[in-house]
Protein backbone atom coordinates (compact mmCIF):
# COMPACT_ATOMS: atom_id res chain seq x y z
CA MET A 1 11.98 71.79 42.94
CA ALA A 2 12.79 70.59 39.50
CA GLU A 3 11.97 67.05 40.66
CA ILE A 4 8.07 67.77 40.41
CA LYS A 5 7.69 67.98 36.45
CA LYS A 6 3.94 66.95 36.46
CA ALA A 7 0.69 68.14 37.58
CA VAL A 8 -2.98 66.81 37.46
CA ILE A 9 -5.98 69.34 37.52
CA LEU A 10 -9.28 67.37 38.29
CA CYS A 11 -11.84 68.67 36.24
CA ALA A 12 -14.43 65.71 36.18
CA GLY A 13 -17.58 65.41 37.90
CA ILE A 14 -21.10 66.67 36.81
CA GLY A 15 -21.07 69.97 38.40
CA THR A 16 -24.17 69.40 40.56
CA ARG A 17 -23.66 72.81 42.38
CA PHE A 18 -23.76 74.63 39.26
CA LEU A 19 -26.87 73.25 37.42
CA PRO A 20 -28.43 74.13 35.04
CA LEU A 21 -25.55 76.03 33.95
CA SER A 22 -23.03 73.22 34.02
CA LYS A 23 -25.26 71.43 31.42
CA THR A 24 -23.52 73.14 28.70
CA ILE A 25 -20.55 75.07 30.03
CA SER A 26 -17.72 73.39 32.07
CA ARG A 27 -17.41 75.11 35.32
CA GLN A 28 -13.92 75.47 35.10
CA LEU A 29 -14.38 77.99 32.21
CA LEU A 30 -16.53 80.22 34.40
CA PRO A 31 -14.81 83.73 34.64
CA LEU A 32 -13.04 85.22 37.53
CA ALA A 33 -12.66 88.91 36.36
CA ASP A 34 -11.60 88.40 32.81
CA LYS A 35 -10.20 84.91 32.78
CA PRO A 36 -11.65 81.43 33.46
CA ILE A 37 -10.88 79.63 36.57
CA ILE A 38 -8.80 77.12 34.57
CA HIS A 39 -6.50 79.64 33.43
CA TYR A 40 -5.51 80.89 36.79
CA LEU A 41 -4.46 77.20 37.99
CA VAL A 42 -2.44 76.46 34.92
CA GLU A 43 -1.02 80.07 35.44
CA GLU A 44 0.00 78.85 38.98
CA LEU A 45 1.66 75.94 37.79
CA GLY A 46 3.69 77.66 35.24
CA GLU A 47 4.73 80.11 37.87
CA ALA A 48 5.98 77.06 39.95
CA GLY A 49 7.93 75.88 36.90
CA ILE A 50 5.70 72.85 35.85
CA LYS A 51 5.28 72.26 32.43
CA GLN A 52 3.22 69.02 31.89
CA ILE A 53 -0.34 69.21 32.92
CA VAL A 54 -2.92 66.07 32.93
CA PHE A 55 -6.53 67.04 32.95
CA VAL A 56 -9.15 64.77 34.39
CA LEU A 57 -12.32 65.41 32.31
CA PRO A 58 -15.57 64.00 32.36
CA PRO A 59 -16.94 62.22 29.19
CA GLY A 60 -17.86 64.47 26.34
CA SER A 61 -15.98 67.54 27.82
CA SER A 62 -13.70 69.14 25.27
CA GLN A 63 -14.14 72.81 26.02
CA ILE A 64 -11.21 73.09 28.33
CA LEU A 65 -9.05 71.81 25.79
CA SER A 66 -10.66 74.05 23.17
CA TYR A 67 -10.04 77.02 25.23
CA PHE A 68 -6.25 76.53 25.09
CA LYS A 69 -6.00 75.47 21.50
CA GLN A 70 -5.20 77.95 18.53
CA GLU A 71 -8.19 79.18 16.49
CA PRO A 72 -6.82 80.13 13.05
CA THR A 73 -10.39 80.67 11.67
CA LEU A 74 -11.21 83.23 14.21
CA GLU A 75 -7.94 84.83 14.02
CA LYS A 76 -8.70 85.31 10.36
CA ILE A 77 -12.07 86.99 11.02
CA LEU A 78 -10.49 89.27 13.56
CA GLU A 79 -7.73 90.08 10.79
CA LYS A 80 -10.40 91.06 8.35
CA ARG A 81 -12.43 93.08 10.75
CA ASN A 82 -9.39 94.96 11.82
CA GLY A 83 -10.00 93.56 15.73
CA GLN A 84 -6.39 94.26 16.71
CA LYS A 85 -7.12 94.20 20.28
CA ALA A 86 -9.09 90.94 20.52
CA LEU A 87 -6.50 89.36 18.03
CA LEU A 88 -3.71 90.44 20.45
CA GLU A 89 -5.62 88.63 23.41
CA LEU A 90 -5.69 85.76 21.34
CA LYS A 91 -1.90 85.87 20.62
CA ARG A 92 -1.05 85.92 24.35
CA LEU A 93 -3.15 83.21 25.07
CA GLN A 94 -1.27 81.02 22.11
CA GLU A 95 1.90 82.08 23.63
CA PHE A 96 0.81 81.27 27.02
CA GLN A 97 -0.26 77.74 26.29
CA LYS A 98 2.91 77.19 24.37
CA ARG A 99 4.74 76.77 27.54
CA PHE A 100 2.84 73.78 28.71
CA SER A 101 2.43 69.97 27.47
CA PHE A 102 -1.16 69.27 28.00
CA SER A 103 -2.65 65.77 27.99
CA TYR A 104 -6.00 64.37 29.33
CA VAL A 105 -7.76 61.34 30.53
CA ILE A 106 -11.41 60.65 30.93
CA GLN A 107 -13.18 59.50 34.15
CA LYS A 108 -16.05 57.58 32.60
CA LYS A 109 -18.39 57.62 35.87
CA PRO A 110 -18.42 60.18 38.69
CA LEU A 111 -17.03 57.75 41.17
CA GLY A 112 -15.31 60.42 43.20
CA ASP A 113 -11.98 62.19 43.36
CA GLY A 114 -10.07 59.46 44.07
CA ASP A 115 -11.20 57.43 41.30
CA ALA A 116 -10.69 60.64 38.99
CA LEU A 117 -7.08 60.69 40.01
CA LEU A 118 -6.60 57.11 39.35
CA GLN A 119 -7.51 57.63 36.01
CA ALA A 120 -4.34 59.74 35.38
CA SER A 121 -1.75 57.24 36.90
CA PRO A 122 -0.79 55.98 33.42
CA LYS A 123 0.36 59.61 32.51
CA LEU A 124 2.41 60.13 35.62
CA GLY A 125 4.61 56.96 36.13
CA LYS A 126 6.57 56.50 39.27
CA GLU A 127 7.06 60.34 39.75
CA PRO A 128 5.91 62.61 42.64
CA PHE A 129 3.34 65.09 41.06
CA ALA A 130 1.13 68.22 42.08
CA LEU A 131 -2.69 67.88 42.18
CA LEU A 132 -5.06 70.65 41.90
CA PHE A 133 -8.75 70.75 42.43
CA CYS A 134 -10.32 73.08 39.97
CA ASP A 135 -12.84 74.58 42.75
CA ASP A 136 -9.72 76.64 44.31
CA VAL A 137 -7.92 79.55 43.43
CA VAL A 138 -5.38 81.01 45.43
CA GLU A 139 -4.18 84.54 45.57
CA SER A 140 -0.69 84.90 46.95
CA ARG A 141 2.54 86.41 46.33
CA ILE A 142 4.45 83.13 46.07
CA PRO A 143 2.15 80.85 44.10
CA CYS A 144 0.58 78.06 46.29
CA VAL A 145 1.95 75.02 44.64
CA THR A 146 5.42 76.72 44.87
CA GLN A 147 5.02 76.99 48.53
CA LEU A 148 4.24 73.15 48.59
CA LEU A 149 7.29 72.24 46.55
CA LYS A 150 9.64 74.08 48.98
CA VAL A 151 8.21 72.02 51.65
CA PHE A 152 8.48 68.85 49.60
CA LYS A 153 11.94 69.47 48.40
CA THR A 154 13.44 68.76 51.81
CA SER A 155 10.66 66.37 53.36
CA LYS A 156 10.20 64.18 50.09
CA ARG A 157 6.71 63.17 51.66
CA PRO A 158 3.34 64.11 50.67
CA VAL A 159 2.32 67.45 51.41
CA VAL A 160 -1.42 68.95 51.93
CA ALA A 161 -2.15 72.66 51.62
CA LEU A 162 -4.10 73.86 54.48
CA TYR A 163 -5.93 76.86 55.57
CA ARG A 164 -7.76 78.27 58.45
CA VAL A 165 -11.62 78.42 58.04
CA SER A 166 -14.27 80.28 60.13
CA ASP A 167 -16.46 77.84 62.30
CA GLU A 168 -19.47 78.12 59.85
CA ARG A 169 -17.28 76.95 57.03
CA ILE A 170 -15.67 73.89 58.67
CA SER A 171 -18.52 71.56 57.84
CA ALA A 172 -18.01 72.20 54.09
CA HIS A 173 -14.45 70.96 54.13
CA GLY A 174 -12.13 68.17 54.92
CA VAL A 175 -10.40 68.98 58.19
CA VAL A 176 -7.18 67.81 59.64
CA GLY A 177 -5.69 67.14 63.25
CA VAL A 178 -2.03 67.94 63.31
CA GLU A 179 1.20 67.83 65.25
CA ARG A 180 2.69 71.37 65.11
CA ILE A 181 6.37 71.37 63.89
CA ALA A 182 7.10 74.72 63.01
CA LYS A 183 5.31 77.84 62.09
CA ARG A 184 2.69 76.71 59.25
CA PHE A 185 4.44 73.64 59.08
CA SER A 186 2.77 70.31 60.69
CA LYS A 187 2.49 66.68 60.38
CA ILE A 188 -0.95 65.38 59.72
CA ARG A 189 -2.51 63.04 62.37
CA LYS A 190 -5.89 62.65 61.09
CA ILE A 191 -8.33 63.71 58.46
CA VAL A 192 -12.08 64.17 59.07
CA GLU A 193 -14.32 64.72 55.87
CA LYS A 194 -16.80 67.42 56.32
CA PRO A 195 -17.19 67.35 59.96
CA SER A 196 -19.62 69.14 62.38
CA PHE A 197 -18.03 71.91 64.34
CA GLU A 198 -18.12 69.77 67.45
CA GLN A 199 -16.27 66.86 65.76
CA ALA A 200 -13.77 68.76 63.97
CA PRO A 201 -10.19 68.09 65.19
CA SER A 202 -9.17 71.81 64.48
CA ASP A 203 -10.06 74.91 62.16
CA LEU A 204 -7.53 73.56 59.46
CA ALA A 205 -9.27 72.72 56.23
CA ILE A 206 -7.75 71.11 53.20
CA LEU A 207 -7.37 73.35 50.32
CA GLY A 208 -7.45 71.99 46.84
CA ARG A 209 -3.57 71.63 46.52
CA TYR A 210 -1.40 68.70 47.03
CA ILE A 211 2.17 67.31 46.50
CA LEU A 212 1.79 63.44 46.16
CA THR A 213 4.16 60.51 45.61
CA PRO A 214 3.13 57.44 43.57
CA GLU A 215 2.18 55.24 46.72
CA ILE A 216 -1.03 57.17 46.77
CA PHE A 217 -1.99 54.95 43.42
CA ASP A 218 -1.45 51.80 45.53
CA TYR A 219 -4.02 52.83 47.97
CA LEU A 220 -6.49 54.17 45.50
CA GLU A 221 -6.20 50.89 43.48
CA ALA A 222 -6.73 49.04 46.64
CA MET A 223 -9.88 50.76 47.46
CA SER A 224 -11.08 50.35 43.59
CA LYS A 225 -10.69 46.60 43.84
CA GLU A 226 -12.38 46.34 47.34
CA THR A 227 -15.27 48.60 45.81
CA ARG A 228 -15.63 46.14 42.88
CA LYS A 229 -15.21 43.03 45.05
CA LYS A 230 -18.06 44.07 47.34
CA ASN A 231 -19.95 45.17 44.20
CA ARG A 232 -20.33 48.73 45.37
CA ILE A 233 -19.82 50.28 42.13
CA GLY A 234 -22.02 53.51 43.00
CA LYS A 235 -19.97 54.13 46.09
CA GLY A 236 -17.34 56.86 45.47
CA ILE A 237 -13.54 56.55 45.97
CA MET A 238 -12.23 59.51 47.90
CA LEU A 239 -8.81 60.84 48.04
CA SER A 240 -9.19 61.74 51.61
CA SER A 241 -9.94 57.96 52.62
CA ALA A 242 -6.76 56.96 50.67
CA LEU A 243 -4.78 59.62 52.65
CA SER A 244 -6.36 58.45 55.81
CA GLN A 245 -5.43 54.98 55.38
CA MET A 246 -1.93 55.80 54.72
CA LEU A 247 -1.88 57.54 58.08
CA ASP A 248 -3.32 54.49 59.69
CA ASP A 249 -0.31 52.53 58.15
CA GLY A 250 2.13 54.88 59.59
CA LYS A 251 3.05 56.92 56.56
CA ILE A 252 3.95 60.49 57.03
CA ILE A 253 1.87 63.27 55.55
CA TYR A 254 2.91 66.85 56.31
CA GLY A 255 0.48 69.85 56.08
CA TYR A 256 1.49 73.29 55.27
CA GLU A 257 -0.63 76.48 56.08
CA VAL A 258 -0.42 78.27 52.75
CA GLU A 259 0.09 81.96 52.78
CA GLY A 260 -2.37 83.93 50.59
CA LYS A 261 -6.23 84.21 49.97
CA TRP A 262 -8.22 81.20 49.30
CA LEU A 263 -11.02 82.03 46.74
CA SER A 264 -13.25 79.06 46.38
CA CYS A 265 -15.44 78.44 43.61
CA GLY A 266 -17.10 75.27 44.68
CA ASP A 267 -20.78 76.56 44.52
CA LYS A 268 -22.67 79.53 43.17
CA ILE A 269 -22.24 81.87 46.02
CA ASP A 270 -18.54 81.27 46.30
CA TRP A 271 -18.13 81.63 42.77
CA LEU A 272 -19.67 84.99 42.54
CA LYS A 273 -17.83 86.18 45.66
CA SER A 274 -14.41 85.25 44.10
CA HIS A 275 -15.68 86.57 40.70
CA LEU A 276 -16.48 90.09 42.33
CA TYR A 277 -13.46 90.25 44.58
CA LEU A 278 -10.90 89.56 41.52
CA SER A 279 -13.02 91.78 39.26
CA LEU A 280 -12.93 94.82 41.66
CA LYS A 281 -9.34 94.32 42.08
CA HIS A 282 -8.56 94.13 38.12
CA PRO A 283 -6.31 97.17 36.84
CA GLN A 284 -8.55 97.65 33.87
CA PHE A 285 -12.10 97.19 35.22
CA GLY A 286 -11.85 97.73 38.96
CA ASN A 287 -12.31 101.27 39.40
CA GLY A 288 -15.34 101.27 36.88
CA LEU A 289 -17.12 98.67 38.84
CA LYS A 290 -16.41 100.34 42.22
CA ARG A 291 -17.92 103.63 40.98
CA TYR A 292 -20.81 101.41 39.49
CA LEU A 293 -21.42 99.64 42.73
CA LYS A 294 -21.59 103.07 44.59
CA GLU A 295 -24.43 103.97 42.34
CA ILE A 296 -26.57 100.94 42.78
CA ILE A 297 -26.06 100.29 46.64
């Protein structure tokens, strides 16, 4: 699994579903219990042994990078005020971020997740890499990325994280048609983006985790050139379309139905549910919150 050294976290876009909050706060910094969403993703990558992380950010967004930076001025204030507990939390974050090498690129215009990923290409070279979408957190015994890396270690082909969803959730996700190979392991045959229930090829949705090979950039670049050629600058370049084109060209892409609980943070209600779920399970705050819920319900 040491073959995968780098990961990309897509944090671009304008956060339409979180307006007006996302005008001033990056949605990746919204809390889940007592940590922001982005912390969970970086933590997952660290547990999978990945140390080099590339963030794809929108213009003018430095909040995510600031979260992981040391703040000497704040630390001095806390020391003067004898704020030992808060200072300890900052020190823990400082030690945590030392485990990683962070870099970033900017997606200048919101032209789709495929375009966002394309911006990271110069940072990745000709190596396979992990890709994480910032709207998805996975609670699992074995980190989600680690599960995918185990599949990639033997297959050496792109691997997409899959998760079974209820009928009413199908139209909110990319859904795949598969050829079953083994338990939880399939060869992807088709990808349908946000289908109706009647059009869906299965109940297996794409969760925002991938292991991808460098050839994905050939497809994304070709799509980008075609978009510019046809003067369709406003049309988004989507990762799912590039993966579908790879399938049409006879490329092999595997799917793995991950073990764990998918905590979506893609819109306000999903984020609130995920925040409540993890808050109630929190070792420090959970019991107090449960008592409070009994009082108000």
